Amino acid sequence: DYGGGDLPDLGTALSAPAEVVELADDQVVTRVVATVEQPDGERRVEVRKTIALGGERLTPTLTVTVSVTNESDRPLRCRFAQEWAVMLLGGGANPSAWYEVGETRRAHDSSGAATGVTRIGQGNDGIGVAIATVPSNDAEVWRARIETVSNSDDGFKRVYQGSSVLLTWPLDLAPGAGATVTDEQRTAAARDLSHDHP
């Protein structure tokens, strides 16, 4: 369902207006008040997100910390997820583009799922880029191709546009309780392309 785009969001955190709580050169903190559908009705939640930039020019980091607080008077049980969409020129089973989950490498345009993930790697050896995603809590990870459909002289074709990684955790929050997860994206460039193109 996730790979086909058929998995609905239960919450409104993505569409609700965000308030900027803090803004600095290297980070931004936002706050959203949203609702989450439950079988017995909606729950009000507060979602705080911190996006922080770090590292050096060839080894930048992007760290996202999200805190969810159940502001309702009833328990909240759902699945919290963060999605990362990346294009690493991996279409057509390009052997240079890969995912690494545990000790196993797979094609970057492959799909799959894994549990208990503490790190997921992806990269393209041909262009010299690698990304390590490191969650603060063991995550369940779902991977799927991002494709569009185009019409050509030969008819309709699927066109690979990138890959989506969804890191997900179960939430079971009592009234007033909260949970926090952090994902750090560590990027490494194997060569400095600025020397090739002044």
C-alpha atoms as a PDB file:
ATOM      1  CA  ASP A   1       0.000   0.000   0.000  1.00  0.00           C
ATOM      2  CA  TYR A   2       2.838   2.405   0.823  1.00  0.00           C
ATOM      3  CA  GLY A   3       4.680   1.778  -2.445  1.00  0.00           C
ATOM      4  CA  GLY A   4       1.494   2.257  -4.437  1.00  0.00           C
ATOM      5  CA  GLY A   5       0.625   5.517  -2.661  1.00  0.00           C
ATOM      6  CA  ASP A   6      -2.475   3.907  -1.160  1.00  0.00           C
ATOM      7  CA  LEU A   7      -1.604   4.258   2.536  1.00  0.00           C
ATOM      8  CA  PRO A   8      -3.628   7.171   3.953  1.00  0.00           C
ATOM      9  CA  ASP A   9      -2.342   9.575   6.602  1.00  0.00           C
ATOM     10  CA  LEU A  10      -4.301   9.380   9.852  1.00  0.00           C
ATOM     11  CA  GLY A  11      -3.122  12.806  10.993  1.00  0.00           C
ATOM     12  CA  THR A  12      -3.203  16.386   9.769  1.00  0.00           C
ATOM     13  CA  ALA A  13       0.349  17.343  10.816  1.00  0.00           C
ATOM     14  CA  LEU A  14       1.504  17.686   7.190  1.00  0.00           C
ATOM     15  CA  SER A  15      -1.339  19.984   6.152  1.00  0.00           C
ATOM     16  CA  ALA A  16      -1.853  22.028   9.344  1.00  0.00           C
ATOM     17  CA  PRO A  17      -0.220  25.489   9.508  1.00  0.00           C
ATOM     18  CA  ALA A  18       3.194  25.473  11.164  1.00  0.00           C
ATOM     19  CA  GLU A  19       4.405  28.146  13.579  1.00  0.00           C
ATOM     20  CA  VAL A  20       8.119  28.994  13.545  1.00  0.00           C
ATOM     21  CA  VAL A  21       9.242  28.816  17.180  1.00  0.00           C
ATOM     22  CA  GLU A  22      12.959  29.411  16.621  1.00  0.00           C
ATOM     23  CA  LEU A  23      15.050  30.400  13.600  1.00  0.00           C
ATOM     24  CA  ALA A  24      18.854  30.447  13.513  1.00  0.00           C
ATOM     25  CA  ASP A  25      21.550  30.146  10.840  1.00  0.00           C
ATOM     26  CA  ASP A  26      21.871  26.400  11.337  1.00  0.00           C
ATOM     27  CA  GLN A  27      18.425  25.313  12.531  1.00  0.00           C
ATOM     28  CA  VAL A  28      14.697  25.961  12.569  1.00  0.00           C
ATOM     29  CA  VAL A  29      12.120  24.785  15.111  1.00  0.00           C
ATOM     30  CA  THR A  30       8.436  24.582  14.158  1.00  0.00           C
ATOM     31  CA  ARG A  31       5.261  23.736  16.068  1.00  0.00           C
ATOM     32  CA  VAL A  32       2.042  22.292  14.662  1.00  0.00           C
ATOM     33  CA  VAL A  33      -1.226  21.513  16.416  1.00  0.00           C
ATOM     34  CA  ALA A  34      -2.882  18.653  14.564  1.00  0.00           C
ATOM     35  CA  THR A  35      -5.375  15.838  14.945  1.00  0.00           C
ATOM     36  CA  VAL A  36      -4.993  12.077  14.523  1.00  0.00           C
ATOM     37  CA  GLU A  37      -7.906   9.798  13.596  1.00  0.00           C
ATOM     38  CA  GLN A  38      -8.623   6.926  15.981  1.00  0.00           C
ATOM     39  CA  PRO A  39     -11.432   4.346  15.876  1.00  0.00           C
ATOM     40  CA  ASP A  40     -13.269   6.225  18.659  1.00  0.00           C
ATOM     41  CA  GLY A  41     -12.598   9.760  17.390  1.00  0.00           C
ATOM     42  CA  GLU A  42      -9.846  12.296  16.872  1.00  0.00           C
ATOM     43  CA  ARG A  43      -6.935  13.036  19.206  1.00  0.00           C
ATOM     44  CA  ARG A  44      -5.310  16.467  19.411  1.00  0.00           C
ATOM     45  CA  VAL A  45      -1.506  16.381  19.232  1.00  0.00           C
ATOM     46  CA  GLU A  46       1.315  18.894  19.282  1.00  0.00           C
ATOM     47  CA  VAL A  47       4.167  18.177  16.878  1.00  0.00           C
ATOM     48  CA  ARG A  48       7.474  20.009  17.332  1.00  0.00           C
ATOM     49  CA  LYS A  49      10.111  19.610  14.633  1.00  0.00           C
ATOM     50  CA  THR A  50      13.731  20.736  14.741  1.00  0.00           C
ATOM     51  CA  ILE A  51      15.718  20.740  11.493  1.00  0.00           C
ATOM     52  CA  ALA A  52      19.445  21.300  12.017  1.00  0.00           C
ATOM     53  CA  LEU A  53      22.274  21.611   9.484  1.00  0.00           C
ATOM     54  CA  GLY A  54      25.842  20.625  10.338  1.00  0.00           C
ATOM     55  CA  GLY A  55      29.042  19.046   9.128  1.00  0.00           C
ATOM     56  CA  GLU A  56      31.471  20.269   6.492  1.00  0.00           C
ATOM     57  CA  ARG A  57      30.987  21.044   2.792  1.00  0.00           C
ATOM     58  CA  LEU A  58      31.834  17.498   1.611  1.00  0.00           C
ATOM     59  CA  THR A  59      30.348  15.796   4.701  1.00  0.00           C
ATOM     60  CA  PRO A  60      27.160  17.720   5.515  1.00  0.00           C
ATOM     61  CA  THR A  61      24.557  16.501   7.977  1.00  0.00           C
ATOM     62  CA  LEU A  62      20.825  17.114   8.191  1.00  0.00           C
ATOM     63  CA  THR A  63      19.240  16.202  11.523  1.00  0.00           C
ATOM     64  CA  VAL A  64      15.488  16.136  12.062  1.00  0.00           C
ATOM     65  CA  THR A  65      14.069  15.730  15.567  1.00  0.00           C
ATOM     66  CA  VAL A  66      10.306  15.354  15.973  1.00  0.00           C
ATOM     67  CA  SER A  67       8.408  15.320  19.278  1.00  0.00           C
ATOM     68  CA  VAL A  68       4.751  14.271  19.395  1.00  0.00           C
ATOM     69  CA  THR A  69       2.648  15.038  22.502  1.00  0.00           C
ATOM     70  CA  ASN A  70      -0.843  13.638  23.057  1.00  0.00           C
ATOM     71  CA  GLU A  71      -2.859  16.675  24.167  1.00  0.00           C
ATOM     72  CA  SER A  72      -6.160  14.797  24.362  1.00  0.00           C
ATOM     73  CA  ASP A  73      -7.775  13.075  27.355  1.00  0.00           C
ATOM     74  CA  ARG A  74      -7.675   9.612  25.735  1.00  0.00           C
ATOM     75  CA  PRO A  75      -4.788   7.302  24.729  1.00  0.00           C
ATOM     76  CA  LEU A  76      -3.271   7.631  21.262  1.00  0.00           C
ATOM     77  CA  ARG A  77      -2.160   4.548  19.336  1.00  0.00           C
ATOM     78  CA  CYS A  78      -0.814   5.009  15.827  1.00  0.00           C
ATOM     79  CA  ARG A  79       2.323   4.751  13.734  1.00  0.00           C
ATOM     80  CA  PHE A  80       4.628   7.754  13.410  1.00  0.00           C
ATOM     81  CA  ALA A  81       6.691   8.037  10.233  1.00  0.00           C
ATOM     82  CA  GLN A  82       9.285  10.211   8.528  1.00  0.00           C
ATOM     83  CA  GLU A  83       9.698   9.994   4.761  1.00  0.00           C
ATOM     84  CA  TRP A  84      12.843  10.778   2.804  1.00  0.00           C
ATOM     85  CA  ALA A  85      12.739  10.940  -1.009  1.00  0.00           C
ATOM     86  CA  VAL A  86      16.129  10.701  -2.724  1.00  0.00           C
ATOM     87  CA  MET A  87      17.233  10.580  -6.364  1.00  0.00           C
ATOM     88  CA  LEU A  88      20.581   8.834  -6.822  1.00  0.00           C
ATOM     89  CA  LEU A  89      20.319   7.995 -10.547  1.00  0.00           C
ATOM     90  CA  GLY A  90      19.400   4.422  -9.670  1.00  0.00           C
ATOM     91  CA  GLY A  91      16.829   3.615 -12.350  1.00  0.00           C
ATOM     92  CA  GLY A  92      17.121   0.509 -14.485  1.00  0.00           C
ATOM     93  CA  ALA A  93      18.875  -1.404 -11.706  1.00  0.00           C
ATOM     94  CA  ASN A  94      21.973   0.811 -12.087  1.00  0.00           C
ATOM     95  CA  PRO A  95      24.714  -1.279 -10.411  1.00  0.00           C
ATOM     96  CA  SER A  96      26.397   1.874  -9.057  1.00  0.00           C
ATOM     97  CA  ALA A  97      23.312   2.949  -7.057  1.00  0.00           C
ATOM     98  CA  TRP A  98      22.491   1.004  -3.912  1.00  0.00           C
ATOM     99  CA  TYR A  99      20.739   0.623  -0.594  1.00  0.00           C
ATOM    100  CA  GLU A 100      22.471  -0.991   2.351  1.00  0.00           C
ATOM    101  CA  VAL A 101      20.359  -2.440   5.149  1.00  0.00           C
ATOM    102  CA  GLY A 102      22.477  -4.322   7.660  1.00  0.00           C
ATOM    103  CA  GLU A 103      25.179  -6.134   5.686  1.00  0.00           C
ATOM    104  CA  THR A 104      23.078  -6.510   2.533  1.00  0.00           C
ATOM    105  CA  ARG A 105      23.245  -4.224  -0.512  1.00  0.00           C
ATOM    106  CA  ARG A 106      20.329  -3.962  -2.905  1.00  0.00           C
ATOM    107  CA  ALA A 107      19.601  -1.927  -6.039  1.00  0.00           C
ATOM    108  CA  HIS A 108      18.479   1.631  -5.307  1.00  0.00           C
ATOM    109  CA  ASP A 109      15.320   1.166  -7.370  1.00  0.00           C
ATOM    110  CA  SER A 110      14.299  -1.914  -5.356  1.00  0.00           C
ATOM    111  CA  SER A 111      11.485  -2.077  -2.806  1.00  0.00           C
ATOM    112  CA  GLY A 112      11.367  -3.792   0.549  1.00  0.00           C
ATOM    113  CA  ALA A 113      10.961  -3.586   4.303  1.00  0.00           C
ATOM    114  CA  ALA A 114      13.119  -4.272   7.351  1.00  0.00           C
ATOM    115  CA  THR A 115      12.643  -4.122  11.121  1.00  0.00           C
ATOM    116  CA  GLY A 116      15.006  -3.168  13.938  1.00  0.00           C
ATOM    117  CA  VAL A 117      16.989  -0.856  11.665  1.00  0.00           C
ATOM    118  CA  THR A 118      19.713   1.241  13.344  1.00  0.00           C
ATOM    119  CA  ARG A 119      21.247   2.511  10.082  1.00  0.00           C
ATOM    120  CA  ILE A 120      20.323   2.508   6.418  1.00  0.00           C
ATOM    121  CA  GLY A 121      22.834   3.472   3.762  1.00  0.00           C
ATOM    122  CA  GLN A 122      22.298   4.540   0.190  1.00  0.00           C
ATOM    123  CA  GLY A 123      24.560   5.910  -2.461  1.00  0.00           C
ATOM    124  CA  ASN A 124      25.880   5.979  -5.996  1.00  0.00           C
ATOM    125  CA  ASP A 125      29.502   4.943  -6.435  1.00  0.00           C
ATOM    126  CA  GLY A 126      29.557   6.362  -9.974  1.00  0.00           C
ATOM    127  CA  ILE A 127      28.980   9.927  -8.756  1.00  0.00           C
ATOM    128  CA  GLY A 128      30.741   9.402  -5.419  1.00  0.00           C
ATOM    129  CA  VAL A 129      27.877  10.157  -3.031  1.00  0.00           C
ATOM    130  CA  ALA A 130      26.812   8.156   0.013  1.00  0.00           C
ATOM    131  CA  ILE A 131      24.116   8.875   2.606  1.00  0.00           C
ATOM    132  CA  ALA A 132      23.771   7.174   5.983  1.00  0.00           C
ATOM    133  CA  THR A 133      20.442   7.555   7.774  1.00  0.00           C
ATOM    134  CA  VAL A 134      20.811   6.955  11.511  1.00  0.00           C
ATOM    135  CA  PRO A 135      17.624   6.949  13.626  1.00  0.00           C
ATOM    136  CA  SER A 136      17.786   7.519  17.374  1.00  0.00           C
ATOM    137  CA  ASN A 137      15.404   4.588  17.978  1.00  0.00           C
ATOM    138  CA  ASP A 138      15.349   1.263  16.121  1.00  0.00           C
ATOM    139  CA  ALA A 139      12.989   1.775  13.198  1.00  0.00           C
ATOM    140  CA  GLU A 140      10.898  -0.224  10.808  1.00  0.00           C
ATOM    141  CA  VAL A 141      11.926   0.871   7.310  1.00  0.00           C
ATOM    142  CA  TRP A 142       9.856   0.683   4.139  1.00  0.00           C
ATOM    143  CA  ARG A 143      11.457   1.397   0.734  1.00  0.00           C
ATOM    144  CA  ALA A 144       9.676   1.997  -2.559  1.00  0.00           C
ATOM    145  CA  ARG A 145      10.366   3.379  -6.025  1.00  0.00           C
ATOM    146  CA  ILE A 146       8.943   6.751  -6.984  1.00  0.00           C
ATOM    147  CA  GLU A 147       7.584   6.505 -10.511  1.00  0.00           C
ATOM    148  CA  THR A 148       5.550   8.639 -12.868  1.00  0.00           C
ATOM    149  CA  VAL A 149       3.663   7.561 -15.950  1.00  0.00           C
ATOM    150  CA  SER A 150       4.463   9.242 -19.247  1.00  0.00           C
ATOM    151  CA  ASN A 151       2.892   8.913 -22.676  1.00  0.00           C
ATOM    152  CA  SER A 152       5.286   8.417 -25.566  1.00  0.00           C
ATOM    153  CA  ASP A 153       5.068   7.224 -29.171  1.00  0.00           C
ATOM    154  CA  ASP A 154       5.289   3.671 -27.799  1.00  0.00           C
ATOM    155  CA  GLY A 155       2.429   4.220 -25.340  1.00  0.00           C
ATOM    156  CA  PHE A 156       2.381   4.650 -21.582  1.00  0.00           C
ATOM    157  CA  LYS A 157       5.608   3.982 -19.677  1.00  0.00           C
ATOM    158  CA  ARG A 158       6.671   4.071 -16.060  1.00  0.00           C
ATOM    159  CA  VAL A 159       9.547   6.485 -15.469  1.00  0.00           C
ATOM    160  CA  TYR A 160      11.755   6.117 -12.407  1.00  0.00           C
ATOM    161  CA  GLN A 161      12.008   9.397 -10.471  1.00  0.00           C
ATOM    162  CA  GLY A 162      13.816   8.327  -7.308  1.00  0.00           C
ATOM    163  CA  SER A 163      13.331   6.277  -4.189  1.00  0.00           C
ATOM    164  CA  SER A 164      11.376   6.830  -0.991  1.00  0.00           C
ATOM    165  CA  VAL A 165      12.446   5.640   2.449  1.00  0.00           C
ATOM    166  CA  LEU A 166       9.875   5.651   5.247  1.00  0.00           C
ATOM    167  CA  LEU A 167      11.185   5.258   8.794  1.00  0.00           C
ATOM    168  CA  THR A 168       8.346   4.331  11.111  1.00  0.00           C
ATOM    169  CA  TRP A 169       7.737   3.674  14.801  1.00  0.00           C
ATOM    170  CA  PRO A 170       4.633   2.647  16.804  1.00  0.00           C
ATOM    171  CA  LEU A 171       3.293   5.316  19.163  1.00  0.00           C
ATOM    172  CA  ASP A 172       1.309   4.400  22.270  1.00  0.00           C
ATOM    173  CA  LEU A 173       0.835   7.620  24.231  1.00  0.00           C
ATOM    174  CA  ALA A 174      -1.242   8.140  27.348  1.00  0.00           C
ATOM    175  CA  PRO A 175      -2.976  11.518  27.748  1.00  0.00           C
ATOM    176  CA  GLY A 176      -0.299  14.191  28.162  1.00  0.00           C
ATOM    177  CA  ALA A 177       2.535  11.822  27.229  1.00  0.00           C
ATOM    178  CA  GLY A 178       5.029  12.418  24.451  1.00  0.00           C
ATOM    179  CA  ALA A 179       7.661  10.688  22.341  1.00  0.00           C
ATOM    180  CA  THR A 180      10.686  11.987  20.445  1.00  0.00           C
ATOM    181  CA  VAL A 181      12.644  10.524  17.537  1.00  0.00           C
ATOM    182  CA  THR A 182      15.673  11.888  15.726  1.00  0.00           C
ATOM    183  CA  ASP A 183      16.989  10.989  12.267  1.00  0.00           C
ATOM    184  CA  GLU A 184      20.421  12.117  11.184  1.00  0.00           C
ATOM    185  CA  GLN A 185      21.318  12.136   7.497  1.00  0.00           C
ATOM    186  CA  ARG A 186      25.099  11.923   7.091  1.00  0.00           C
ATOM    187  CA  THR A 187      26.222  12.634   3.538  1.00  0.00           C
ATOM    188  CA  ALA A 188      29.715  12.042   2.163  1.00  0.00           C
ATOM    189  CA  ALA A 189      31.008  13.187  -1.227  1.00  0.00           C
ATOM    190  CA  ALA A 190      33.987  11.156  -2.443  1.00  0.00           C
ATOM    191  CA  ARG A 191      35.302  13.941  -4.646  1.00  0.00           C
ATOM    192  CA  ASP A 192      35.098  17.706  -4.838  1.00  0.00           C
ATOM    193  CA  LEU A 193      33.340  18.568  -8.091  1.00  0.00           C
ATOM    194  CA  SER A 194      33.997  22.289  -7.652  1.00  0.00           C
ATOM    195  CA  HIS A 195      37.573  21.661  -8.813  1.00  0.00           C
ATOM    196  CA  ASP A 196      36.219  20.163 -12.067  1.00  0.00           C
ATOM    197  CA  HIS A 197      33.906  23.121 -12.779  1.00  0.00           C
ATOM    198  CA  PRO A 198      35.305  26.524 -11.724  1.00  0.00           C
END
